[in-house]
C-alpha atoms as a PDB file:
ATOM      1  CA  MET A   1       1.102   6.760  -5.846  1.00  0.00           C
ATOM      2  CA  PRO A   2       2.150   6.124  -2.370  1.00  0.00           C
ATOM      3  CA  THR A   3       3.910   3.379  -1.392  1.00  0.00           C
ATOM      4  CA  THR A   4       1.868   0.274   0.048  1.00  0.00           C
ATOM      5  CA  ASN A   5       4.029   1.211   3.241  1.00  0.00           C
ATOM      6  CA  GLU A   6       2.422   4.127   3.167  1.00  0.00           C
ATOM      7  CA  LYS A   7      -0.257   4.069   2.972  1.00  0.00           C
ATOM      8  CA  SER A   8      -0.773   1.121   5.403  1.00  0.00           C
ATOM      9  CA  ALA A   9       2.093   2.190   8.383  1.00  0.00           C
ATOM     10  CA  PRO A  10       0.025   1.777  11.736  1.00  0.00           C
ATOM     11  CA  ASP A  11      -1.493   4.138  13.957  1.00  0.00           C
ATOM     12  CA  THR A  12       0.582   3.154  16.879  1.00  0.00           C
ATOM     13  CA  ALA A  13      -2.227   5.114  18.780  1.00  0.00           C
ATOM     14  CA  ASP A  14      -5.329   3.825  17.511  1.00  0.00           C
ATOM     15  CA  ALA A  15      -6.732   1.754  19.975  1.00  0.00           C
ATOM     16  CA  PRO A  16      -8.872  -1.667  19.687  1.00  0.00           C
ATOM     17  CA  SER A  17     -11.901   0.057  21.141  1.00  0.00           C
ATOM     18  CA  GLU A  18     -10.573   3.236  18.344  1.00  0.00           C
ATOM     19  CA  ARG A  19     -10.921   0.678  15.615  1.00  0.00           C
ATOM     20  CA  TYR A  20     -13.895  -1.848  17.110  1.00  0.00           C
ATOM     21  CA  ALA A  21     -15.628   1.445  17.245  1.00  0.00           C
ATOM     22  CA  ARG A  22     -15.136   2.378  13.272  1.00  0.00           C
ATOM     23  CA  GLY A  23     -15.147  -1.236  11.840  1.00  0.00           C
ATOM     24  CA  LEU A  24     -18.675  -0.709  14.075  1.00  0.00           C
ATOM     25  CA  ALA A  25     -20.029   1.860  12.695  1.00  0.00           C
ATOM     26  CA  VAL A  26     -18.912   0.808   9.056  1.00  0.00           C
ATOM     27  CA  LEU A  27     -20.889  -3.288   9.123  1.00  0.00           C
ATOM     28  CA  GLN A  28     -24.059  -1.352  10.818  1.00  0.00           C
ATOM     29  CA  LYS A  29     -24.242   1.316   8.132  1.00  0.00           C
ATOM     30  CA  ILE A  30     -23.320  -1.864   5.433  1.00  0.00           C
ATOM     31  CA  ALA A  31     -26.313  -4.050   7.423  1.00  0.00           C
ATOM     32  CA  GLY A  32     -28.829  -1.888   7.842  1.00  0.00           C
ATOM     33  CA  THR A  33     -29.344  -2.181  11.463  1.00  0.00           C
ATOM     34  CA  GLU A  34     -27.622  -0.775  14.898  1.00  0.00           C
ATOM     35  CA  ARG A  35     -27.260  -4.395  15.564  1.00  0.00           C
ATOM     36  CA  PRO A  36     -25.771  -7.091  12.989  1.00  0.00           C
ATOM     37  CA  ALA A  37     -26.261 -10.220  13.010  1.00  0.00           C
ATOM     38  CA  VAL A  38     -23.020 -11.551  12.585  1.00  0.00           C
ATOM     39  CA  LEU A  39     -22.132 -10.349  16.430  1.00  0.00           C
ATOM     40  CA  ASP A  40     -24.333 -12.107  17.876  1.00  0.00           C
ATOM     41  CA  ALA A  41     -24.197 -15.482  15.520  1.00  0.00           C
ATOM     42  CA  LEU A  42     -20.633 -16.110  16.580  1.00  0.00           C
ATOM     43  CA  ALA A  43     -21.669 -15.280  20.346  1.00  0.00           C
ATOM     44  CA  GLY A  44     -21.553 -18.428  21.444  1.00  0.00           C
ATOM     45  CA  ILE A  45     -18.989 -20.150  19.744  1.00  0.00           C
ATOM     46  CA  ALA A  46     -15.657 -17.456  18.674  1.00  0.00           C
ATOM     47  CA  PRO A  47     -16.674 -14.500  20.166  1.00  0.00           C
ATOM     48  CA  ASP A  48     -13.356 -13.409  19.734  1.00  0.00           C
ATOM     49  CA  LEU A  49     -13.621 -14.165  15.240  1.00  0.00           C
ATOM     50  CA  GLY A  50     -16.588 -11.266  15.632  1.00  0.00           C
ATOM     51  CA  ARG A  51     -14.308  -8.843  17.252  1.00  0.00           C
ATOM     52  CA  PHE A  52     -11.848  -9.670  14.078  1.00  0.00           C
ATOM     53  CA  THR A  53     -14.525  -9.647  12.399  1.00  0.00           C
ATOM     54  CA  VAL A  54     -15.052  -6.114  12.773  1.00  0.00           C
ATOM     55  CA  GLU A  55     -12.069  -4.364  13.707  1.00  0.00           C
ATOM     56  CA  PHE A  56      -9.896  -5.684  10.859  1.00  0.00           C
ATOM     57  CA  GLY A  57     -13.040  -6.076   8.405  1.00  0.00           C
ATOM     58  CA  TYR A  58     -14.257  -3.612   8.923  1.00  0.00           C
ATOM     59  CA  GLY A  59     -12.411  -1.368  11.589  1.00  0.00           C
ATOM     60  CA  ASP A  60      -8.645  -1.668   9.564  1.00  0.00           C
ATOM     61  CA  ILE A  61     -10.692  -2.859   5.949  1.00  0.00           C
ATOM     62  CA  ILE A  62     -13.570  -1.074   4.986  1.00  0.00           C
ATOM     63  CA  SER A  63     -13.064   1.964   6.293  1.00  0.00           C
ATOM     64  CA  ARG A  64      -9.487   2.474   4.212  1.00  0.00           C
ATOM     65  CA  PRO A  65      -9.889   5.215   2.053  1.00  0.00           C
ATOM     66  CA  GLY A  66      -9.173   5.406  -2.601  1.00  0.00           C
ATOM     67  CA  LEU A  67     -12.023   2.683  -2.560  1.00  0.00           C
ATOM     68  CA  THR A  68     -15.854   3.788  -1.381  1.00  0.00           C
ATOM     69  CA  LEU A  69     -18.105   1.569   0.309  1.00  0.00           C
ATOM     70  CA  PRO A  70     -19.843   0.982  -3.084  1.00  0.00           C
ATOM     71  CA  GLN A  71     -17.191   0.292  -4.624  1.00  0.00           C
ATOM     72  CA  ARG A  72     -15.988  -2.526  -1.747  1.00  0.00           C
ATOM     73  CA  GLN A  73     -19.846  -3.603  -1.746  1.00  0.00           C
ATOM     74  CA  LEU A  74     -19.122  -4.530  -5.821  1.00  0.00           C
ATOM     75  CA  ALA A  75     -15.698  -6.010  -4.781  1.00  0.00           C
ATOM     76  CA  THR A  76     -17.275  -7.993  -2.505  1.00  0.00           C
ATOM     77  CA  ILE A  77     -20.273  -9.852  -4.416  1.00  0.00           C
ATOM     78  CA  SER A  78     -17.356 -10.486  -6.969  1.00  0.00           C
ATOM     79  CA  ALA A  79     -15.413 -12.449  -4.843  1.00  0.00           C
ATOM     80  CA  LEU A  80     -18.068 -13.869  -3.007  1.00  0.00           C
ATOM     81  CA  ALA A  81     -20.493 -15.066  -5.834  1.00  0.00           C
ATOM     82  CA  ALA A  82     -17.150 -16.516  -8.498  1.00  0.00           C
ATOM     83  CA  MET A  83     -15.621 -18.556  -5.491  1.00  0.00           C
ATOM     84  CA  GLY A  84     -18.455 -19.949  -4.586  1.00  0.00           C
ATOM     85  CA  ASN A  85     -18.194 -21.641  -1.767  1.00  0.00           C
ATOM     86  CA  ALA A  86     -19.883 -18.401   0.717  1.00  0.00           C
ATOM     87  CA  ALA A  87     -23.840 -18.588   0.287  1.00  0.00           C
ATOM     88  CA  PRO A  88     -24.555 -17.048   3.906  1.00  0.00           C
ATOM     89  CA  GLN A  89     -21.584 -14.367   3.380  1.00  0.00           C
ATOM     90  CA  LEU A  90     -23.108 -14.056  -0.306  1.00  0.00           C
ATOM     91  CA  ARG A  91     -26.888 -13.446   1.348  1.00  0.00           C
ATOM     92  CA  PHE A  92     -25.887 -11.026   3.523  1.00  0.00           C
ATOM     93  CA  HIS A  93     -23.489  -8.723   1.661  1.00  0.00           C
ATOM     94  CA  VAL A  94     -25.933  -8.634  -2.386  1.00  0.00           C
ATOM     95  CA  ASP A  95     -28.677  -7.449   0.856  1.00  0.00           C
ATOM     96  CA  GLY A  96     -25.390  -4.729   2.075  1.00  0.00           C
ATOM     97  CA  ALA A  97     -24.042  -3.705  -1.660  1.00  0.00           C
ATOM     98  CA  LEU A  98     -28.090  -2.571  -1.980  1.00  0.00           C
ATOM     99  CA  ASN A  99     -28.784  -0.757   1.352  1.00  0.00           C
ATOM    100  CA  VAL A 100     -25.418   1.028   0.124  1.00  0.00           C
ATOM    101  CA  GLY A 101     -27.338   2.128  -3.018  1.00  0.00           C
ATOM    102  CA  ILE A 102     -25.934   0.353  -5.550  1.00  0.00           C
ATOM    103  CA  SER A 103     -28.546  -1.061  -7.969  1.00  0.00           C
ATOM    104  CA  ARG A 104     -30.711  -4.285  -8.071  1.00  0.00           C
ATOM    105  CA  ARG A 105     -29.579  -4.197 -12.030  1.00  0.00           C
ATOM    106  CA  GLU A 106     -26.075  -3.943 -10.974  1.00  0.00           C
ATOM    107  CA  ILE A 107     -25.589  -7.016  -9.257  1.00  0.00           C
ATOM    108  CA  VAL A 108     -27.658  -8.794 -11.425  1.00  0.00           C
ATOM    109  CA  GLU A 109     -25.404  -7.455 -14.310  1.00  0.00           C
ATOM    110  CA  THR A 110     -21.558  -8.745 -11.798  1.00  0.00           C
ATOM    111  CA  PHE A 111     -23.908 -11.806 -11.125  1.00  0.00           C
ATOM    112  CA  ILE A 112     -23.856 -12.442 -14.808  1.00  0.00           C
ATOM    113  CA  HIS A 113     -20.031 -11.144 -15.050  1.00  0.00           C
ATOM    114  CA  ALA A 114     -18.691 -13.632 -12.970  1.00  0.00           C
ATOM    115  CA  GLY A 115     -20.178 -17.014 -15.286  1.00  0.00           C
ATOM    116  CA  VAL A 116     -17.587 -15.755 -17.944  1.00  0.00           C
ATOM    117  CA  TYR A 117     -14.709 -15.810 -14.923  1.00  0.00           C
ATOM    118  CA  ALA A 118     -15.755 -18.300 -12.733  1.00  0.00           C
ATOM    119  CA  GLY A 119     -18.838 -20.435 -14.863  1.00  0.00           C
ATOM    120  CA  PHE A 120     -22.189 -20.476 -15.109  1.00  0.00           C
ATOM    121  CA  PRO A 121     -22.833 -23.114 -11.605  1.00  0.00           C
ATOM    122  CA  ALA A 122     -21.978 -19.602 -10.172  1.00  0.00           C
ATOM    123  CA  ALA A 123     -23.412 -17.763 -12.289  1.00  0.00           C
ATOM    124  CA  LEU A 124     -26.498 -19.211 -11.186  1.00  0.00           C
ATOM    125  CA  ASN A 125     -25.698 -19.695  -7.579  1.00  0.00           C
ATOM    126  CA  ALA A 126     -24.703 -16.754  -6.763  1.00  0.00           C
ATOM    127  CA  LEU A 127     -28.277 -15.737  -8.474  1.00  0.00           C
ATOM    128  CA  THR A 128     -30.155 -18.033  -6.455  1.00  0.00           C
ATOM    129  CA  ILE A 129     -29.177 -16.001  -3.449  1.00  0.00           C
ATOM    130  CA  ALA A 130     -29.704 -11.911  -5.764  1.00  0.00           C
ATOM    131  CA  ARG A 131     -33.613 -13.588  -6.016  1.00  0.00           C
ATOM    132  CA  GLU A 132     -33.942 -14.811  -2.617  1.00  0.00           C
ATOM    133  CA  VAL A 133     -32.060 -11.246  -1.650  1.00  0.00           C
ATOM    134  CA  PHE A 134     -34.723  -8.400  -3.367  1.00  0.00           C
ATOM    135  CA  ALA A 135     -38.673 -11.356  -3.029  1.00  0.00           C
ATOM    136  CA  ALA A 136     -37.046 -10.612   0.919  1.00  0.00           C
ATOM    137  CA  ARG A 137     -36.875  -6.578   0.242  1.00  0.00           C
ATOM    138  CA  LYS A 138     -40.145  -7.081  -1.443  1.00  0.00           C
ATOM    139  CA  GLU A 139     -41.917  -8.482   0.981  1.00  0.00           C
ATOM    140  CA  ALA A 140     -40.677  -6.504   3.887  1.00  0.00           C
ATOM    141  CA  GLY A 141     -42.260  -3.064   1.689  1.00  0.00           C
ATOM    142  CA  ASP A 142     -39.554  -2.440  -0.753  1.00  0.00           C
ATOM    143  CA  ALA A 143     -40.857  -0.055  -3.419  1.00  0.00           C
ATOM    144  CA  ASP A 144     -38.154  -0.774  -6.578  1.00  0.00           C
ATOM    145  CA  ALA A 145     -38.007  -4.753  -6.379  1.00  0.00           C
ATOM    146  CA  GLY A 146     -39.782  -5.524  -9.782  1.00  0.00           C
ATOM    147  CA  PRO A 147     -38.806  -7.706 -11.942  1.00  0.00           C
ATOM    148  CA  ILE A 148     -35.553  -6.586 -14.577  1.00  0.00           C
ATOM    149  CA  ALA A 149     -35.810  -6.172 -18.061  1.00  0.00           C
ATOM    150  CA  PRO A 150     -33.861  -7.884 -20.609  1.00  0.00           C
ATOM    151  CA  ALA A 151     -30.627  -6.229 -21.732  1.00  0.00           C
ATOM    152  CA  THR A 152     -29.621  -5.578 -25.295  1.00  0.00           C
ATOM    153  CA  PRO A 153     -25.965  -5.386 -25.377  1.00  0.00           C
ATOM    154  CA  SER A 154     -24.815  -1.322 -25.910  1.00  0.00           C
ATOM    155  CA  GLU A 155     -24.073  -0.973 -29.307  1.00  0.00           C
ATOM    156  CA  PRO A 156     -26.688  -3.171 -31.902  1.00  0.00           C
ATOM    157  CA  GLY A 157     -25.739  -3.086 -34.996  1.00  0.00           C
ATOM    158  CA  THR A 158     -22.620  -4.950 -34.855  1.00  0.00           C
ATOM    159  CA  THR A 159     -21.736  -8.533 -34.967  1.00  0.00           C
ATOM    160  CA  ARG A 160     -21.264  -9.964 -31.672  1.00  0.00           C
ATOM    161  CA  TYR A 161     -17.165 -11.160 -32.895  1.00  0.00           C
ATOM    162  CA  GLU A 162     -16.910  -7.421 -33.992  1.00  0.00           C
ATOM    163  CA  ARG A 163     -18.194  -5.747 -30.737  1.00  0.00           C
ATOM    164  CA  GLY A 164     -16.076  -8.088 -28.957  1.00  0.00           C
ATOM    165  CA  ALA A 165     -13.459  -7.265 -31.058  1.00  0.00           C
ATOM    166  CA  GLU A 166     -13.121  -3.786 -30.551  1.00  0.00           C
ATOM    167  CA  ALA A 167     -14.712  -3.661 -26.974  1.00  0.00           C
ATOM    168  CA  LEU A 168     -10.851  -6.289 -26.143  1.00  0.00           C
ATOM    169  CA  ALA A 169      -8.892  -3.363 -27.770  1.00  0.00           C
ATOM    170  CA  ARG A 170     -10.603  -0.691 -26.139  1.00  0.00           C
ATOM    171  CA  ILE A 171     -10.289  -2.786 -22.960  1.00  0.00           C
ATOM    172  CA  ASP A 172      -7.652  -4.802 -22.678  1.00  0.00           C
ATOM    173  CA  GLY A 173      -5.804  -3.526 -25.569  1.00  0.00           C
ATOM    174  CA  HIS A 174      -1.969  -5.624 -25.784  1.00  0.00           C
ATOM    175  CA  ALA A 175      -2.436  -8.054 -23.098  1.00  0.00           C
ATOM    176  CA  GLY A 176      -6.094  -8.928 -23.597  1.00  0.00           C
ATOM    177  CA  GLU A 177      -5.100  -9.499 -27.751  1.00  0.00           C
ATOM    178  CA  ALA A 178      -1.635 -11.200 -26.820  1.00  0.00           C
ATOM    179  CA  VAL A 179      -4.126 -14.176 -25.251  1.00  0.00           C
ATOM    180  CA  VAL A 180      -5.965 -13.960 -28.294  1.00  0.00           C
ATOM    181  CA  ALA A 181      -3.442 -14.442 -30.626  1.00  0.00           C
ATOM    182  CA  SER A 182      -1.530 -17.246 -27.836  1.00  0.00           C
ATOM    183  CA  LEU A 183      -4.865 -19.733 -29.044  1.00  0.00           C
ATOM    184  CA  GLN A 184      -4.884 -19.067 -32.734  1.00  0.00           C
ATOM    185  CA  ASP A 185      -2.765 -22.891 -32.952  1.00  0.00           C
ATOM    186  CA  ILE A 186      -4.264 -24.808 -30.277  1.00  0.00           C
ATOM    187  CA  ALA A 187      -7.436 -23.050 -30.016  1.00  0.00           C
ATOM    188  CA  PRO A 188      -8.990 -21.354 -32.617  1.00  0.00           C
ATOM    189  CA  ASP A 189     -11.992 -21.069 -31.479  1.00  0.00           C
ATOM    190  CA  LEU A 190     -12.225 -20.727 -27.400  1.00  0.00           C
ATOM    191  CA  ALA A 191     -10.240 -17.274 -28.964  1.00  0.00           C
ATOM    192  CA  ARG A 192     -13.326 -16.980 -31.023  1.00  0.00           C
ATOM    193  CA  TYR A 193     -15.507 -17.872 -28.487  1.00  0.00           C
ATOM    194  CA  LEU A 194     -13.722 -14.961 -25.684  1.00  0.00           C
ATOM    195  CA  ILE A 195     -14.065 -12.633 -28.250  1.00  0.00           C
ATOM    196  CA  GLU A 196     -17.477 -13.372 -29.141  1.00  0.00           C
ATOM    197  CA  PHE A 197     -19.085 -13.789 -25.501  1.00  0.00           C
ATOM    198  CA  ALA A 198     -16.722 -13.697 -22.682  1.00  0.00           C
ATOM    199  CA  PHE A 199     -16.377  -9.363 -24.648  1.00  0.00           C
ATOM    200  CA  GLY A 200     -19.794  -8.850 -27.820  1.00  0.00           C
ATOM    201  CA  ASP A 201     -22.196 -10.671 -25.203  1.00  0.00           C
ATOM    202  CA  VAL A 202     -20.778 -10.097 -21.835  1.00  0.00           C
ATOM    203  CA  TYR A 203     -18.625  -6.748 -21.316  1.00  0.00           C
ATOM    204  CA  SER A 204     -20.721  -5.074 -23.958  1.00  0.00           C
ATOM    205  CA  ARG A 205     -24.073  -4.624 -22.239  1.00  0.00           C
ATOM    206  CA  PRO A 206     -25.807  -1.807 -20.229  1.00  0.00           C
ATOM    207  CA  GLY A 207     -26.438  -2.017 -16.743  1.00  0.00           C
ATOM    208  CA  LEU A 208     -22.534  -2.037 -15.337  1.00  0.00           C
ATOM    209  CA  ASP A 209     -20.011   0.447 -16.461  1.00  0.00           C
ATOM    210  CA  LEU A 210     -16.674  -1.120 -17.345  1.00  0.00           C
ATOM    211  CA  LYS A 211     -14.710   0.415 -14.788  1.00  0.00           C
ATOM    212  CA  SER A 212     -16.400  -2.038 -12.556  1.00  0.00           C
ATOM    213  CA  ARG A 213     -16.089  -4.885 -14.206  1.00  0.00           C
ATOM    214  CA  GLU A 214     -12.741  -4.033 -14.123  1.00  0.00           C
ATOM    215  CA  LEU A 215     -12.881  -3.721 -10.666  1.00  0.00           C
ATOM    216  CA  ALA A 216     -14.956  -7.270  -9.878  1.00  0.00           C
ATOM    217  CA  THR A 217     -12.865  -8.537 -12.529  1.00  0.00           C
ATOM    218  CA  ILE A 218     -10.217  -8.078 -10.569  1.00  0.00           C
ATOM    219  CA  ALA A 219     -11.400  -8.738  -7.586  1.00  0.00           C
ATOM    220  CA  MET A 220     -12.744 -12.132  -8.810  1.00  0.00           C
ATOM    221  CA  CYS A 221      -9.638 -13.535 -10.777  1.00  0.00           C
ATOM    222  CA  THR A 222      -8.203 -12.668  -7.511  1.00  0.00           C
ATOM    223  CA  ALA A 223     -10.525 -14.479  -4.987  1.00  0.00           C
ATOM    224  CA  LEU A 224      -9.759 -17.721  -6.660  1.00  0.00           C
ATOM    225  CA  GLY A 225      -6.646 -17.072  -6.709  1.00  0.00           C
ATOM    226  CA  THR A 226      -6.093 -19.915  -9.882  1.00  0.00           C
ATOM    227  CA  ALA A 227      -5.879 -16.977 -12.786  1.00  0.00           C
ATOM    228  CA  ALA A 228      -2.300 -15.349 -12.079  1.00  0.00           C
ATOM    229  CA  PRO A 229      -1.801 -14.324 -16.096  1.00  0.00           C
ATOM    230  CA  GLN A 230      -5.683 -13.164 -16.511  1.00  0.00           C
ATOM    231  CA  LEU A 231      -5.397 -10.713 -13.391  1.00  0.00           C
ATOM    232  CA  ARG A 232      -2.319  -9.265 -14.625  1.00  0.00           C
ATOM    233  CA  VAL A 233      -4.528  -8.753 -17.924  1.00  0.00           C
ATOM    234  CA  HIS A 234      -7.247  -7.276 -16.141  1.00  0.00           C
ATOM    235  CA  LEU A 235      -5.375  -4.864 -14.163  1.00  0.00           C
ATOM    236  CA  HIS A 236      -4.438  -3.248 -17.533  1.00  0.00           C
ATOM    237  CA  GLY A 237      -7.822  -3.348 -18.399  1.00  0.00           C
ATOM    238  CA  PHE A 238      -8.674  -1.749 -15.003  1.00  0.00           C
ATOM    239  CA  LEU A 239      -5.646   0.611 -15.908  1.00  0.00           C
ATOM    240  CA  ASN A 240      -6.930   1.600 -19.387  1.00  0.00           C
ATOM    241  CA  VAL A 241     -10.036   1.993 -19.113  1.00  0.00           C
ATOM    242  CA  GLY A 242      -9.907   5.223 -16.033  1.00  0.00           C
ATOM    243  CA  GLY A 243      -9.115   2.748 -12.929  1.00  0.00           C
ATOM    244  CA  THR A 244      -5.611   3.585 -10.416  1.00  0.00           C
ATOM    245  CA  GLU A 245      -2.812   1.721  -9.819  1.00  0.00           C
ATOM    246  CA  ASP A 246      -3.528   2.939  -5.725  1.00  0.00           C
ATOM    247  CA  GLU A 247      -7.842   1.273  -6.011  1.00  0.00           C
ATOM    248  CA  ALA A 248      -6.199  -2.009  -7.785  1.00  0.00           C
ATOM    249  CA  VAL A 249      -4.111  -2.286  -4.811  1.00  0.00           C
ATOM    250  CA  GLU A 250      -7.217  -1.919  -2.578  1.00  0.00           C
ATOM    251  CA  ILE A 251      -9.357  -3.478  -4.627  1.00  0.00           C
ATOM    252  CA  ILE A 252      -6.703  -6.771  -3.982  1.00  0.00           C
ATOM    253  CA  THR A 253      -6.106  -5.782  -0.070  1.00  0.00           C
ATOM    254  CA  GLN A 254      -9.664  -5.571   0.297  1.00  0.00           C
ATOM    255  CA  MET A 255      -9.780  -9.748  -1.047  1.00  0.00           C
ATOM    256  CA  ALA A 256      -6.917 -10.706   2.277  1.00  0.00           C
ATOM    257  CA  GLY A 257     -10.895 -11.063   4.564  1.00  0.00           C
ATOM    258  CA  TYR A 258     -12.676 -13.196   1.442  1.00  0.00           C
ATOM    259  CA  ALA A 259      -9.988 -15.357   0.176  1.00  0.00           C
ATOM    260  CA  GLY A 260      -6.847 -15.080   2.834  1.00  0.00           C
ATOM    261  CA  PHE A 261      -3.147 -13.877   2.391  1.00  0.00           C
ATOM    262  CA  PRO A 262      -2.095 -15.863   0.658  1.00  0.00           C
ATOM    263  CA  ALA A 263      -4.390 -14.828  -2.787  1.00  0.00           C
ATOM    264  CA  ALA A 264      -4.087 -11.668  -2.052  1.00  0.00           C
ATOM    265  CA  LEU A 265      -0.001 -11.575  -2.177  1.00  0.00           C
ATOM    266  CA  ASN A 266       0.367 -13.581  -5.118  1.00  0.00           C
ATOM    267  CA  GLY A 267      -2.688 -10.675  -6.079  1.00  0.00           C
ATOM    268  CA  ILE A 268      -0.318  -7.967  -5.325  1.00  0.00           C
ATOM    269  CA  THR A 269       2.371 -10.085  -7.053  1.00  0.00           C
ATOM    270  CA  ALA A 270       1.130 -10.078 -10.311  1.00  0.00           C
ATOM    271  CA  ALA A 271      -0.052  -5.812 -10.079  1.00  0.00           C
ATOM    272  CA  ARG A 272       3.550  -4.861  -9.256  1.00  0.00           C
ATOM    273  CA  ALA A 273       4.784  -6.871 -12.239  1.00  0.00           C
ATOM    274  CA  VAL A 274       1.663  -4.757 -15.083  1.00  0.00           C
ATOM    275  CA  PHE A 275       3.003  -1.464 -13.065  1.00  0.00           C
ATOM    276  CA  ASP A 276       5.975  -2.372 -13.324  1.00  0.00           C
ATOM    277  CA  GLU A 277       5.838  -2.544 -17.254  1.00  0.00           C
ATOM    278  CA  ARG A 278       3.467   0.070 -17.597  1.00  0.00           C
ATOM    279  CA  ALA A 279       6.200   1.968 -15.742  1.00  0.00           C
ATOM    280  CA  GLN A 280       8.714   0.670 -18.753  1.00  0.00           C
ATOM    281  CA  SER A 281       7.054   1.978 -21.784  1.00  0.00           C
ATOM    282  CA  ARG A 282       6.116   4.953 -20.894  1.00  0.00           C
END
C-alpha cells in the first residue's frame, strides 16, 4: 500500500487557480448547477472561506482518487447525519448524492443505519431533511420520487439473534465478537440488543451493501470523535467485506473537511493500529 506521504505529497506546480478550477468542476457536478449557492452565500462575509471550500474541500479532497464520487457523497451524508449539527450542509449533500447516482433508498438506509451509531434523534432529523429534498425534487418534476416501500431483512426464516450473530461474525469477525464477550459480565442485555438490533435488524436490511454500510460507519465513527474503539472494530469490518486500506484512509482523510483535522488525525491513528494488527497476524 502506498504510504500517506506518497499519496498526499504536494504538487508545487499546482497553482491555486488550478485547484479552484478542479474543485469547482466537482462542486458543480454535485450541486447540479453552474453556480453553486455556497459561493454567493459567502461572498458578502467570507469570500476567502468560499475559496478554501472550493480549493481544499473539493479541489484537494473530493477530487482525490481512491473513492468514487458516489462513495464520497455517501461518506459525507453519513458524517453530517451522525454529527447532527449541520442541517443546511446535509440538505445540500443529500441533493448532491442524488445528483451523482445514489438512490433515495440508499440515502434512507444510510440514515436508518445512523441510528445505531448516532442515536435515533440524529437518524430522525436526517430523514426529515431527506424527505424535504425528495419532495422538492418531486415538485421539480423528478420522476423517481414516489413513496419508498418498507424493507424486510434479506435473510428471512431466521430469528433476529441468529441473523445478527451471523452478520456480526461475517462483518466484524473476532473484533466484533470480543465486544459482545466484554459485555457479558456487566450488560448482557446490551450485548443481545447489539446483536439483535444493530446486526439482526439493521445490517441485515437490503438497500445498502455491506461495504457501503461499513464505509458509512467509518465516516460516522470518525466524525463523532468519541468512538475510537468502535472505529477500530469497523475498520476491521470494512476490510473484511472487501474494502481496502487505501479506501479506509481516504474516508478518514475526507473527514478533515467535515469534522475537522483532530477527528481525522485520531481516525488515522486508529487505522494505523488496525493495519499493524492485521499485518502482524498474516
